[in-house]
């Protein structure tokens, strides 16, 4: 096996990242709620934000909305004097169109991109390599790859991942391969400076224990401090404390993904008062009454435990 050359130092991609929801009200971007959300998470142990990705309903945002989303988030973080990297989620099956979108975002106040594999077209491994290599050539900003084959119908294999990791601005991966053997193999073979963050909320603790650098977790919208504690204990080498912290929230991803995301998370944030509406855009729909009751029961239990 050919050794991968050592990479120059890159951006620090580790810890707990939040794929921020996009609040809507009456069909429009809810700027008031967005500002409130960013101010809230600026006070937490979140290490970075992803905007306009799956949880942020990026596929139903137009370009003007996406730019406003980035500008407002950057302005609120600046006002809060909180340095936190902002990555923009991009997706598409036409390499030219994604490259053109990158070019149009050059002046946006973002730090990098999270780019998923082309969906539906199912390109070969060589096609995947050339797709991402072309996009890396289109920007000087760092790029995180996003491997989620159960949504895109194509898997970025580790050999291609490692070839792409040779490029200085391809700096890491959001790993949703749903294949533990593939994930562990990548963690063993990756070059220095190439970050691996799990995107599987339910596997956060086990991914960290296997050597992942962190997670990009939709569930961390709620009980954020507990997710951060898990990561902090693992970093400190205290596995018993990490497992104990994880045991308090291990069931949360199952609840928040019981129906298509991000509707359950939006319902929770709405009931919490962080957003003014749980509105989602079609084809997403509001959660069922049954799930709403389960979420509100969990919220009530959490409040009771906090006051005990």
C-alpha atoms as a PDB file:
ATOM      1  CA  UNK A   1       0.000   0.000   0.000  1.00  0.00           C
ATOM      2  CA  UNK A   2       1.389   3.407  -0.975  1.00  0.00           C
ATOM      3  CA  UNK A   3       1.861   5.714   1.986  1.00  0.00           C
ATOM      4  CA  UNK A   4      -0.085   8.981   1.921  1.00  0.00           C
ATOM      5  CA  UNK A   5       2.197  12.027   2.138  1.00  0.00           C
ATOM      6  CA  UNK A   6       2.011  14.157   5.281  1.00  0.00           C
ATOM      7  CA  UNK A   7      -0.388  17.043   4.901  1.00  0.00           C
ATOM      8  CA  UNK A   8       0.329  20.637   5.868  1.00  0.00           C
ATOM      9  CA  UNK A   9      -1.531  21.865   8.973  1.00  0.00           C
ATOM     10  CA  UNK A  10      -5.153  22.604   8.118  1.00  0.00           C
ATOM     11  CA  UNK A  11      -8.225  23.947   9.899  1.00  0.00           C
ATOM     12  CA  UNK A  12      -9.086  22.288  13.182  1.00  0.00           C
ATOM     13  CA  UNK A  13     -12.121  20.129  12.472  1.00  0.00           C
ATOM     14  CA  UNK A  14     -13.014  18.394  15.693  1.00  0.00           C
ATOM     15  CA  UNK A  15     -15.476  18.326  18.531  1.00  0.00           C
ATOM     16  CA  UNK A  16     -19.201  18.929  18.281  1.00  0.00           C
ATOM     17  CA  UNK A  17     -20.565  20.551  15.115  1.00  0.00           C
ATOM     18  CA  UNK A  18     -24.193  21.520  14.580  1.00  0.00           C
ATOM     19  CA  UNK A  19     -25.973  21.172  11.217  1.00  0.00           C
ATOM     20  CA  UNK A  20     -28.209  24.133  11.988  1.00  0.00           C
ATOM     21  CA  UNK A  21     -31.909  23.954  11.158  1.00  0.00           C
ATOM     22  CA  UNK A  22     -33.317  26.722   8.957  1.00  0.00           C
ATOM     23  CA  UNK A  23     -36.346  28.334  10.629  1.00  0.00           C
ATOM     24  CA  UNK A  24     -39.302  29.250   8.425  1.00  0.00           C
ATOM     25  CA  UNK A  25     -42.491  31.162   9.073  1.00  0.00           C
ATOM     26  CA  UNK A  26     -45.359  31.640   6.616  1.00  0.00           C
ATOM     27  CA  UNK A  27     -43.199  30.313   3.804  1.00  0.00           C
ATOM     28  CA  UNK A  28     -40.260  32.646   4.380  1.00  0.00           C
ATOM     29  CA  UNK A  29     -36.931  32.533   6.177  1.00  0.00           C
ATOM     30  CA  UNK A  30     -37.656  33.444   9.807  1.00  0.00           C
ATOM     31  CA  UNK A  31     -34.877  35.940  10.493  1.00  0.00           C
ATOM     32  CA  UNK A  32     -35.996  36.697  14.059  1.00  0.00           C
ATOM     33  CA  UNK A  33     -35.846  33.025  15.031  1.00  0.00           C
ATOM     34  CA  UNK A  34     -32.585  32.531  13.171  1.00  0.00           C
ATOM     35  CA  UNK A  35     -30.901  35.318  15.120  1.00  0.00           C
ATOM     36  CA  UNK A  36     -32.225  33.892  18.382  1.00  0.00           C
ATOM     37  CA  UNK A  37     -30.938  30.423  17.500  1.00  0.00           C
ATOM     38  CA  UNK A  38     -27.437  31.594  16.650  1.00  0.00           C
ATOM     39  CA  UNK A  39     -27.218  33.726  19.791  1.00  0.00           C
ATOM     40  CA  UNK A  40     -28.274  30.681  21.818  1.00  0.00           C
ATOM     41  CA  UNK A  41     -25.760  28.271  20.296  1.00  0.00           C
ATOM     42  CA  UNK A  42     -23.003  30.885  20.540  1.00  0.00           C
ATOM     43  CA  UNK A  43     -23.227  30.391  24.314  1.00  0.00           C
ATOM     44  CA  UNK A  44     -22.847  26.600  24.110  1.00  0.00           C
ATOM     45  CA  UNK A  45     -19.938  24.246  23.535  1.00  0.00           C
ATOM     46  CA  UNK A  46     -20.670  23.891  19.797  1.00  0.00           C
ATOM     47  CA  UNK A  47     -17.407  23.951  17.820  1.00  0.00           C
ATOM     48  CA  UNK A  48     -18.748  24.720  14.342  1.00  0.00           C
ATOM     49  CA  UNK A  49     -21.888  25.267  12.268  1.00  0.00           C
ATOM     50  CA  UNK A  50     -23.025  23.660   9.031  1.00  0.00           C
ATOM     51  CA  UNK A  51     -25.620  25.728   7.149  1.00  0.00           C
ATOM     52  CA  UNK A  52     -28.020  24.635   4.441  1.00  0.00           C
ATOM     53  CA  UNK A  53     -27.235  20.934   4.606  1.00  0.00           C
ATOM     54  CA  UNK A  54     -29.779  18.120   5.069  1.00  0.00           C
ATOM     55  CA  UNK A  55     -30.931  19.230   8.523  1.00  0.00           C
ATOM     56  CA  UNK A  56     -30.989  22.817   7.277  1.00  0.00           C
ATOM     57  CA  UNK A  57     -33.314  21.833   4.391  1.00  0.00           C
ATOM     58  CA  UNK A  58     -30.734  23.125   1.948  1.00  0.00           C
ATOM     59  CA  UNK A  59     -32.361  21.521  -1.070  1.00  0.00           C
ATOM     60  CA  UNK A  60     -35.437  23.747  -0.646  1.00  0.00           C
ATOM     61  CA  UNK A  61     -33.533  26.996  -0.086  1.00  0.00           C
ATOM     62  CA  UNK A  62     -33.030  29.366  -2.980  1.00  0.00           C
ATOM     63  CA  UNK A  63     -29.691  31.094  -3.405  1.00  0.00           C
ATOM     64  CA  UNK A  64     -30.864  34.414  -1.963  1.00  0.00           C
ATOM     65  CA  UNK A  65     -32.097  32.649   1.181  1.00  0.00           C
ATOM     66  CA  UNK A  66     -28.850  30.692   1.519  1.00  0.00           C
ATOM     67  CA  UNK A  67     -26.809  33.884   1.292  1.00  0.00           C
ATOM     68  CA  UNK A  68     -28.995  35.602   3.892  1.00  0.00           C
ATOM     69  CA  UNK A  69     -28.650  32.560   6.127  1.00  0.00           C
ATOM     70  CA  UNK A  70     -24.852  32.756   5.952  1.00  0.00           C
ATOM     71  CA  UNK A  71     -24.743  36.527   6.428  1.00  0.00           C
ATOM     72  CA  UNK A  72     -27.065  36.551   9.436  1.00  0.00           C
ATOM     73  CA  UNK A  73     -25.270  33.679  11.153  1.00  0.00           C
ATOM     74  CA  UNK A  74     -21.866  35.300  10.628  1.00  0.00           C
ATOM     75  CA  UNK A  75     -23.142  38.661  11.892  1.00  0.00           C
ATOM     76  CA  UNK A  76     -24.680  37.147  15.032  1.00  0.00           C
ATOM     77  CA  UNK A  77     -21.532  35.207  15.863  1.00  0.00           C
ATOM     78  CA  UNK A  78     -19.474  38.366  15.389  1.00  0.00           C
ATOM     79  CA  UNK A  79     -21.837  40.315  17.641  1.00  0.00           C
ATOM     80  CA  UNK A  80     -21.540  37.580  20.263  1.00  0.00           C
ATOM     81  CA  UNK A  81     -17.740  37.686  19.945  1.00  0.00           C
ATOM     82  CA  UNK A  82     -17.760  33.973  19.372  1.00  0.00           C
ATOM     83  CA  UNK A  83     -15.332  32.537  16.841  1.00  0.00           C
ATOM     84  CA  UNK A  84     -16.943  29.496  15.272  1.00  0.00           C
ATOM     85  CA  UNK A  85     -16.305  28.197  11.745  1.00  0.00           C
ATOM     86  CA  UNK A  86     -19.247  28.189   9.351  1.00  0.00           C
ATOM     87  CA  UNK A  87     -19.411  25.633   6.557  1.00  0.00           C
ATOM     88  CA  UNK A  88     -22.006  25.708   3.790  1.00  0.00           C
ATOM     89  CA  UNK A  89     -23.688  22.494   2.702  1.00  0.00           C
ATOM     90  CA  UNK A  90     -23.717  21.893  -1.047  1.00  0.00           C
ATOM     91  CA  UNK A  91     -25.192  19.054  -3.070  1.00  0.00           C
ATOM     92  CA  UNK A  92     -25.698  18.290  -6.721  1.00  0.00           C
ATOM     93  CA  UNK A  93     -25.227  15.743  -9.452  1.00  0.00           C
ATOM     94  CA  UNK A  94     -23.865  18.138 -12.095  1.00  0.00           C
ATOM     95  CA  UNK A  95     -20.232  18.914 -11.310  1.00  0.00           C
ATOM     96  CA  UNK A  96     -20.341  22.107 -13.391  1.00  0.00           C
ATOM     97  CA  UNK A  97     -23.335  23.464 -11.495  1.00  0.00           C
ATOM     98  CA  UNK A  98     -21.807  22.756  -8.094  1.00  0.00           C
ATOM     99  CA  UNK A  99     -18.547  24.415  -9.183  1.00  0.00           C
ATOM    100  CA  UNK A 100     -20.521  27.431 -10.403  1.00  0.00           C
ATOM    101  CA  UNK A 101     -22.322  27.615  -7.049  1.00  0.00           C
ATOM    102  CA  UNK A 102     -18.975  27.588  -5.273  1.00  0.00           C
ATOM    103  CA  UNK A 103     -17.838  30.480  -7.458  1.00  0.00           C
ATOM    104  CA  UNK A 104     -20.957  32.486  -6.599  1.00  0.00           C
ATOM    105  CA  UNK A 105     -20.360  32.025  -2.873  1.00  0.00           C
ATOM    106  CA  UNK A 106     -16.763  33.278  -2.878  1.00  0.00           C
ATOM    107  CA  UNK A 107     -17.756  36.546  -1.194  1.00  0.00           C
ATOM    108  CA  UNK A 108     -20.083  34.924   1.353  1.00  0.00           C
ATOM    109  CA  UNK A 109     -18.987  35.000   5.026  1.00  0.00           C
ATOM    110  CA  UNK A 110     -18.317  31.257   5.252  1.00  0.00           C
ATOM    111  CA  UNK A 111     -15.183  29.309   6.055  1.00  0.00           C
ATOM    112  CA  UNK A 112     -15.622  26.175   3.971  1.00  0.00           C
ATOM    113  CA  UNK A 113     -17.982  23.680   2.367  1.00  0.00           C
ATOM    114  CA  UNK A 114     -19.576  20.354   3.225  1.00  0.00           C
ATOM    115  CA  UNK A 115     -20.207  18.640  -0.117  1.00  0.00           C
ATOM    116  CA  UNK A 116     -22.117  15.391  -0.498  1.00  0.00           C
ATOM    117  CA  UNK A 117     -21.566  12.780  -3.171  1.00  0.00           C
ATOM    118  CA  UNK A 118     -23.649  13.227  -6.337  1.00  0.00           C
ATOM    119  CA  UNK A 119     -27.081  11.762  -5.749  1.00  0.00           C
ATOM    120  CA  UNK A 120     -29.138   9.526  -8.056  1.00  0.00           C
ATOM    121  CA  UNK A 121     -26.585   9.287 -10.879  1.00  0.00           C
ATOM    122  CA  UNK A 122     -24.432   6.678  -9.082  1.00  0.00           C
ATOM    123  CA  UNK A 123     -21.075   7.538 -10.690  1.00  0.00           C
ATOM    124  CA  UNK A 124     -18.095   5.179 -10.617  1.00  0.00           C
ATOM    125  CA  UNK A 125     -15.314   5.602  -8.077  1.00  0.00           C
ATOM    126  CA  UNK A 126     -13.249   7.381 -10.728  1.00  0.00           C
ATOM    127  CA  UNK A 127     -16.221   9.649 -11.416  1.00  0.00           C
ATOM    128  CA  UNK A 128     -16.458  10.472  -7.722  1.00  0.00           C
ATOM    129  CA  UNK A 129     -12.759  11.255  -7.595  1.00  0.00           C
ATOM    130  CA  UNK A 130     -12.935  13.596 -10.580  1.00  0.00           C
ATOM    131  CA  UNK A 131     -16.111  15.257  -9.258  1.00  0.00           C
ATOM    132  CA  UNK A 132     -14.534  16.198  -5.929  1.00  0.00           C
ATOM    133  CA  UNK A 133     -11.134  16.970  -7.436  1.00  0.00           C
ATOM    134  CA  UNK A 134     -12.802  19.434  -9.812  1.00  0.00           C
ATOM    135  CA  UNK A 135     -14.649  21.082  -6.925  1.00  0.00           C
ATOM    136  CA  UNK A 136     -11.465  21.296  -4.857  1.00  0.00           C
ATOM    137  CA  UNK A 137      -9.791  23.056  -7.779  1.00  0.00           C
ATOM    138  CA  UNK A 138     -12.690  25.548  -7.869  1.00  0.00           C
ATOM    139  CA  UNK A 139     -11.935  27.071  -4.455  1.00  0.00           C
ATOM    140  CA  UNK A 140      -9.152  27.774  -2.008  1.00  0.00           C
ATOM    141  CA  UNK A 141     -11.543  27.189   0.878  1.00  0.00           C
ATOM    142  CA  UNK A 142     -11.468  23.886   2.774  1.00  0.00           C
ATOM    143  CA  UNK A 143     -13.897  21.148   1.786  1.00  0.00           C
ATOM    144  CA  UNK A 144     -15.351  18.409   3.954  1.00  0.00           C
ATOM    145  CA  UNK A 145     -16.601  15.414   2.008  1.00  0.00           C
ATOM    146  CA  UNK A 146     -19.993  13.997   2.966  1.00  0.00           C
ATOM    147  CA  UNK A 147     -20.443  10.270   2.469  1.00  0.00           C
ATOM    148  CA  UNK A 148     -24.033   9.179   3.011  1.00  0.00           C
ATOM    149  CA  UNK A 149     -24.785   6.356   0.557  1.00  0.00           C
ATOM    150  CA  UNK A 150     -28.244   5.579   1.936  1.00  0.00           C
ATOM    151  CA  UNK A 151     -29.325   9.014   0.655  1.00  0.00           C
ATOM    152  CA  UNK A 152     -27.162   9.414  -2.461  1.00  0.00           C
ATOM    153  CA  UNK A 153     -27.141   5.754  -3.629  1.00  0.00           C
ATOM    154  CA  UNK A 154     -23.357   5.855  -4.061  1.00  0.00           C
ATOM    155  CA  UNK A 155     -20.563   5.152  -1.577  1.00  0.00           C
ATOM    156  CA  UNK A 156     -17.262   7.028  -1.605  1.00  0.00           C
ATOM    157  CA  UNK A 157     -14.839   4.163  -1.106  1.00  0.00           C
ATOM    158  CA  UNK A 158     -11.847   4.567   1.177  1.00  0.00           C
ATOM    159  CA  UNK A 159      -9.293   4.269  -1.621  1.00  0.00           C
ATOM    160  CA  UNK A 160     -10.877   7.241  -3.384  1.00  0.00           C
ATOM    161  CA  UNK A 161     -11.235   9.050  -0.056  1.00  0.00           C
ATOM    162  CA  UNK A 162      -7.505   8.696   0.562  1.00  0.00           C
ATOM    163  CA  UNK A 163      -6.651   9.907  -2.938  1.00  0.00           C
ATOM    164  CA  UNK A 164      -8.812  12.962  -2.348  1.00  0.00           C
ATOM    165  CA  UNK A 165      -7.192  13.484   1.059  1.00  0.00           C
ATOM    166  CA  UNK A 166      -3.924  14.211  -0.750  1.00  0.00           C
ATOM    167  CA  UNK A 167      -5.443  17.491  -1.913  1.00  0.00           C
ATOM    168  CA  UNK A 168      -4.593  20.229   0.597  1.00  0.00           C
ATOM    169  CA  UNK A 169      -8.057  21.767   0.762  1.00  0.00           C
ATOM    170  CA  UNK A 170      -9.963  18.482   1.151  1.00  0.00           C
ATOM    171  CA  UNK A 171      -9.657  18.456   4.908  1.00  0.00           C
ATOM    172  CA  UNK A 172     -12.080  15.908   6.284  1.00  0.00           C
ATOM    173  CA  UNK A 173     -15.196  13.805   6.107  1.00  0.00           C
ATOM    174  CA  UNK A 174     -18.681  13.698   7.547  1.00  0.00           C
ATOM    175  CA  UNK A 175     -19.035   9.949   7.809  1.00  0.00           C
ATOM    176  CA  UNK A 176     -22.485   8.452   7.363  1.00  0.00           C
ATOM    177  CA  UNK A 177     -21.320   5.333   5.555  1.00  0.00           C
ATOM    178  CA  UNK A 178     -23.350   3.128   7.953  1.00  0.00           C
ATOM    179  CA  UNK A 179     -20.518   0.599   7.582  1.00  0.00           C
ATOM    180  CA  UNK A 180     -18.433   0.218  10.738  1.00  0.00           C
ATOM    181  CA  UNK A 181     -15.715  -1.741   8.935  1.00  0.00           C
ATOM    182  CA  UNK A 182     -15.316   1.025   6.348  1.00  0.00           C
ATOM    183  CA  UNK A 183     -15.251   3.708   9.038  1.00  0.00           C
ATOM    184  CA  UNK A 184     -12.632   1.943  11.150  1.00  0.00           C
ATOM    185  CA  UNK A 185     -10.516   1.165   8.071  1.00  0.00           C
ATOM    186  CA  UNK A 186     -10.509   4.862   7.160  1.00  0.00           C
ATOM    187  CA  UNK A 187      -9.589   5.896  10.700  1.00  0.00           C
ATOM    188  CA  UNK A 188      -6.627   3.499  10.560  1.00  0.00           C
ATOM    189  CA  UNK A 189      -5.412   4.626   7.135  1.00  0.00           C
ATOM    190  CA  UNK A 190      -6.162   8.343   7.015  1.00  0.00           C
ATOM    191  CA  UNK A 191      -3.294  10.822   6.752  1.00  0.00           C
ATOM    192  CA  UNK A 192      -2.420  13.267   9.490  1.00  0.00           C
ATOM    193  CA  UNK A 193      -4.662  16.321   9.345  1.00  0.00           C
ATOM    194  CA  UNK A 194      -7.605  14.614   7.631  1.00  0.00           C
ATOM    195  CA  UNK A 195     -10.502  14.822  10.083  1.00  0.00           C
ATOM    196  CA  UNK A 196     -13.277  12.268  10.405  1.00  0.00           C
ATOM    197  CA  UNK A 197     -16.497  13.417  12.072  1.00  0.00           C
ATOM    198  CA  UNK A 198     -19.396  11.049  12.401  1.00  0.00           C
ATOM    199  CA  UNK A 199     -22.773  12.140  11.123  1.00  0.00           C
ATOM    200  CA  UNK A 200     -24.568   9.215  12.727  1.00  0.00           C
ATOM    201  CA  UNK A 201     -26.047  10.652  15.901  1.00  0.00           C
ATOM    202  CA  UNK A 202     -26.761   7.253  17.456  1.00  0.00           C
ATOM    203  CA  UNK A 203     -23.127   6.181  16.945  1.00  0.00           C
ATOM    204  CA  UNK A 204     -21.495   9.291  18.410  1.00  0.00           C
ATOM    205  CA  UNK A 205     -19.964   7.636  21.465  1.00  0.00           C
ATOM    206  CA  UNK A 206     -18.750   4.539  19.618  1.00  0.00           C
ATOM    207  CA  UNK A 207     -17.286   6.628  16.784  1.00  0.00           C
ATOM    208  CA  UNK A 208     -15.321   8.732  19.260  1.00  0.00           C
ATOM    209  CA  UNK A 209     -14.130   5.604  21.040  1.00  0.00           C
ATOM    210  CA  UNK A 210     -12.858   4.266  17.701  1.00  0.00           C
ATOM    211  CA  UNK A 211     -10.878   7.447  17.055  1.00  0.00           C
ATOM    212  CA  UNK A 212     -13.194   9.830  15.224  1.00  0.00           C
ATOM    213  CA  UNK A 213     -12.448  13.524  15.764  1.00  0.00           C
ATOM    214  CA  UNK A 214     -15.995  14.517  16.603  1.00  0.00           C
ATOM    215  CA  UNK A 215     -19.493  14.601  15.220  1.00  0.00           C
ATOM    216  CA  UNK A 216     -21.852  16.677  13.092  1.00  0.00           C
ATOM    217  CA  UNK A 217     -25.034  15.903  14.973  1.00  0.00           C
ATOM    218  CA  UNK A 218     -28.570  17.126  14.378  1.00  0.00           C
ATOM    219  CA  UNK A 219     -29.588  15.787  17.807  1.00  0.00           C
ATOM    220  CA  UNK A 220     -27.166  18.221  19.444  1.00  0.00           C
ATOM    221  CA  UNK A 221     -29.720  20.980  18.847  1.00  0.00           C
ATOM    222  CA  UNK A 222     -31.140  19.752  22.155  1.00  0.00           C
ATOM    223  CA  UNK A 223     -29.310  18.686  25.301  1.00  0.00           C
ATOM    224  CA  UNK A 224     -26.247  20.240  23.679  1.00  0.00           C
ATOM    225  CA  UNK A 225     -24.192  20.259  26.861  1.00  0.00           C
ATOM    226  CA  UNK A 226     -24.557  16.506  27.305  1.00  0.00           C
ATOM    227  CA  UNK A 227     -23.253  15.802  23.787  1.00  0.00           C
ATOM    228  CA  UNK A 228     -20.335  18.145  24.435  1.00  0.00           C
ATOM    229  CA  UNK A 229     -19.594  16.349  27.712  1.00  0.00           C
ATOM    230  CA  UNK A 230     -19.293  13.028  25.893  1.00  0.00           C
ATOM    231  CA  UNK A 231     -16.724  14.498  23.508  1.00  0.00           C
ATOM    232  CA  UNK A 232     -14.869  16.253  26.322  1.00  0.00           C
ATOM    233  CA  UNK A 233     -14.558  13.104  28.418  1.00  0.00           C
ATOM    234  CA  UNK A 234     -13.295  11.088  25.437  1.00  0.00           C
ATOM    235  CA  UNK A 235     -10.698  13.772  24.691  1.00  0.00           C
ATOM    236  CA  UNK A 236      -9.585  13.617  28.321  1.00  0.00           C
ATOM    237  CA  UNK A 237      -9.267   9.840  28.122  1.00  0.00           C
ATOM    238  CA  UNK A 238     -12.020   9.264  30.675  1.00  0.00           C
ATOM    239  CA  UNK A 239     -14.057   6.535  28.998  1.00  0.00           C
ATOM    240  CA  UNK A 240     -16.210   5.668  32.056  1.00  0.00           C
ATOM    241  CA  UNK A 241     -17.327   9.303  32.360  1.00  0.00           C
ATOM    242  CA  UNK A 242     -17.932   9.496  28.606  1.00  0.00           C
ATOM    243  CA  UNK A 243     -20.085   6.380  28.702  1.00  0.00           C
ATOM    244  CA  UNK A 244     -22.013   7.667  31.705  1.00  0.00           C
ATOM    245  CA  UNK A 245     -22.700  10.964  29.909  1.00  0.00           C
ATOM    246  CA  UNK A 246     -23.711   9.106  26.770  1.00  0.00           C
ATOM    247  CA  UNK A 247     -26.154   6.906  28.675  1.00  0.00           C
ATOM    248  CA  UNK A 248     -28.232  10.000  29.504  1.00  0.00           C
ATOM    249  CA  UNK A 249     -28.808  10.879  25.839  1.00  0.00           C
ATOM    250  CA  UNK A 250     -28.310   7.612  23.929  1.00  0.00           C
ATOM    251  CA  UNK A 251     -32.044   7.305  23.292  1.00  0.00           C
ATOM    252  CA  UNK A 252     -32.430  10.881  22.043  1.00  0.00           C
ATOM    253  CA  UNK A 253     -31.425  10.289  18.387  1.00  0.00           C
ATOM    254  CA  UNK A 254     -34.039   7.535  18.109  1.00  0.00           C
ATOM    255  CA  UNK A 255     -36.712   9.976  19.256  1.00  0.00           C
ATOM    256  CA  UNK A 256     -35.570  12.846  17.019  1.00  0.00           C
ATOM    257  CA  UNK A 257     -35.324  10.602  13.959  1.00  0.00           C
ATOM    258  CA  UNK A 258     -38.558   8.693  14.560  1.00  0.00           C
ATOM    259  CA  UNK A 259     -40.007  10.734  11.680  1.00  0.00           C
ATOM    260  CA  UNK A 260     -38.133  12.508   8.880  1.00  0.00           C
ATOM    261  CA  UNK A 261     -35.662  15.103  10.119  1.00  0.00           C
ATOM    262  CA  UNK A 262     -35.655  18.003  10.808  1.00  0.00           C
ATOM    263  CA  UNK A 263     -39.372  18.143  11.658  1.00  0.00           C
ATOM    264  CA  UNK A 264     -38.987  16.521  15.115  1.00  0.00           C
ATOM    265  CA  UNK A 265     -36.076  18.820  16.015  1.00  0.00           C
ATOM    266  CA  UNK A 266     -38.015  21.872  14.875  1.00  0.00           C
ATOM    267  CA  UNK A 267     -40.970  20.821  17.020  1.00  0.00           C
ATOM    268  CA  UNK A 268     -38.712  20.523  20.070  1.00  0.00           C
ATOM    269  CA  UNK A 269     -37.067  23.913  19.419  1.00  0.00           C
ATOM    270  CA  UNK A 270     -40.489  25.512  18.887  1.00  0.00           C
ATOM    271  CA  UNK A 271     -41.820  24.117  22.169  1.00  0.00           C
ATOM    272  CA  UNK A 272     -38.610  25.291  23.831  1.00  0.00           C
ATOM    273  CA  UNK A 273     -39.212  28.816  22.529  1.00  0.00           C
ATOM    274  CA  UNK A 274     -36.068  29.032  20.404  1.00  0.00           C
ATOM    275  CA  UNK A 275     -38.002  29.302  17.127  1.00  0.00           C
ATOM    276  CA  UNK A 276     -41.423  30.816  16.503  1.00  0.00           C
ATOM    277  CA  UNK A 277     -42.740  28.049  14.258  1.00  0.00           C
ATOM    278  CA  UNK A 278     -41.986  24.352  13.626  1.00  0.00           C
ATOM    279  CA  UNK A 279     -42.670  24.948   9.923  1.00  0.00           C
ATOM    280  CA  UNK A 280     -40.930  22.765   7.332  1.00  0.00           C
ATOM    281  CA  UNK A 281     -41.081  22.940   3.551  1.00  0.00           C
ATOM    282  CA  UNK A 282     -42.592  20.297   1.333  1.00  0.00           C
ATOM    283  CA  UNK A 283     -41.917  17.497   0.782  1.00  0.00           C
ATOM    284  CA  UNK A 284     -41.256  17.537   4.533  1.00  0.00           C
ATOM    285  CA  UNK A 285     -44.370  17.696   6.722  1.00  0.00           C
ATOM    286  CA  UNK A 286     -45.010  18.404  10.424  1.00  0.00           C
ATOM    287  CA  UNK A 287     -44.668  15.537  12.871  1.00  0.00           C
ATOM    288  CA  UNK A 288     -47.555  13.371  13.994  1.00  0.00           C
ATOM    289  CA  UNK A 289     -49.512  14.050  17.162  1.00  0.00           C
ATOM    290  CA  UNK A 290     -48.116  10.843  18.615  1.00  0.00           C
ATOM    291  CA  UNK A 291     -44.494  11.918  18.168  1.00  0.00           C
ATOM    292  CA  UNK A 292     -45.300  15.426  19.406  1.00  0.00           C
ATOM    293  CA  UNK A 293     -46.630  13.880  22.612  1.00  0.00           C
ATOM    294  CA  UNK A 294     -43.516  11.741  23.022  1.00  0.00           C
ATOM    295  CA  UNK A 295     -41.228  14.727  22.505  1.00  0.00           C
ATOM    296  CA  UNK A 296     -43.154  16.857  24.965  1.00  0.00           C
ATOM    297  CA  UNK A 297     -43.077  14.034  27.518  1.00  0.00           C
ATOM    298  CA  UNK A 298     -39.294  13.854  27.127  1.00  0.00           C
ATOM    299  CA  UNK A 299     -39.022  17.625  27.510  1.00  0.00           C
ATOM    300  CA  UNK A 300     -41.159  17.576  30.658  1.00  0.00           C
ATOM    301  CA  UNK A 301     -39.071  14.757  32.110  1.00  0.00           C
ATOM    302  CA  UNK A 302     -35.884  16.663  31.373  1.00  0.00           C
ATOM    303  CA  UNK A 303     -37.203  19.794  33.113  1.00  0.00           C
ATOM    304  CA  UNK A 304     -38.244  17.745  36.128  1.00  0.00           C
ATOM    305  CA  UNK A 305     -34.810  16.111  36.387  1.00  0.00           C
ATOM    306  CA  UNK A 306     -33.091  19.486  36.072  1.00  0.00           C
ATOM    307  CA  UNK A 307     -35.150  20.832  38.939  1.00  0.00           C
ATOM    308  CA  UNK A 308     -34.653  17.809  41.163  1.00  0.00           C
END
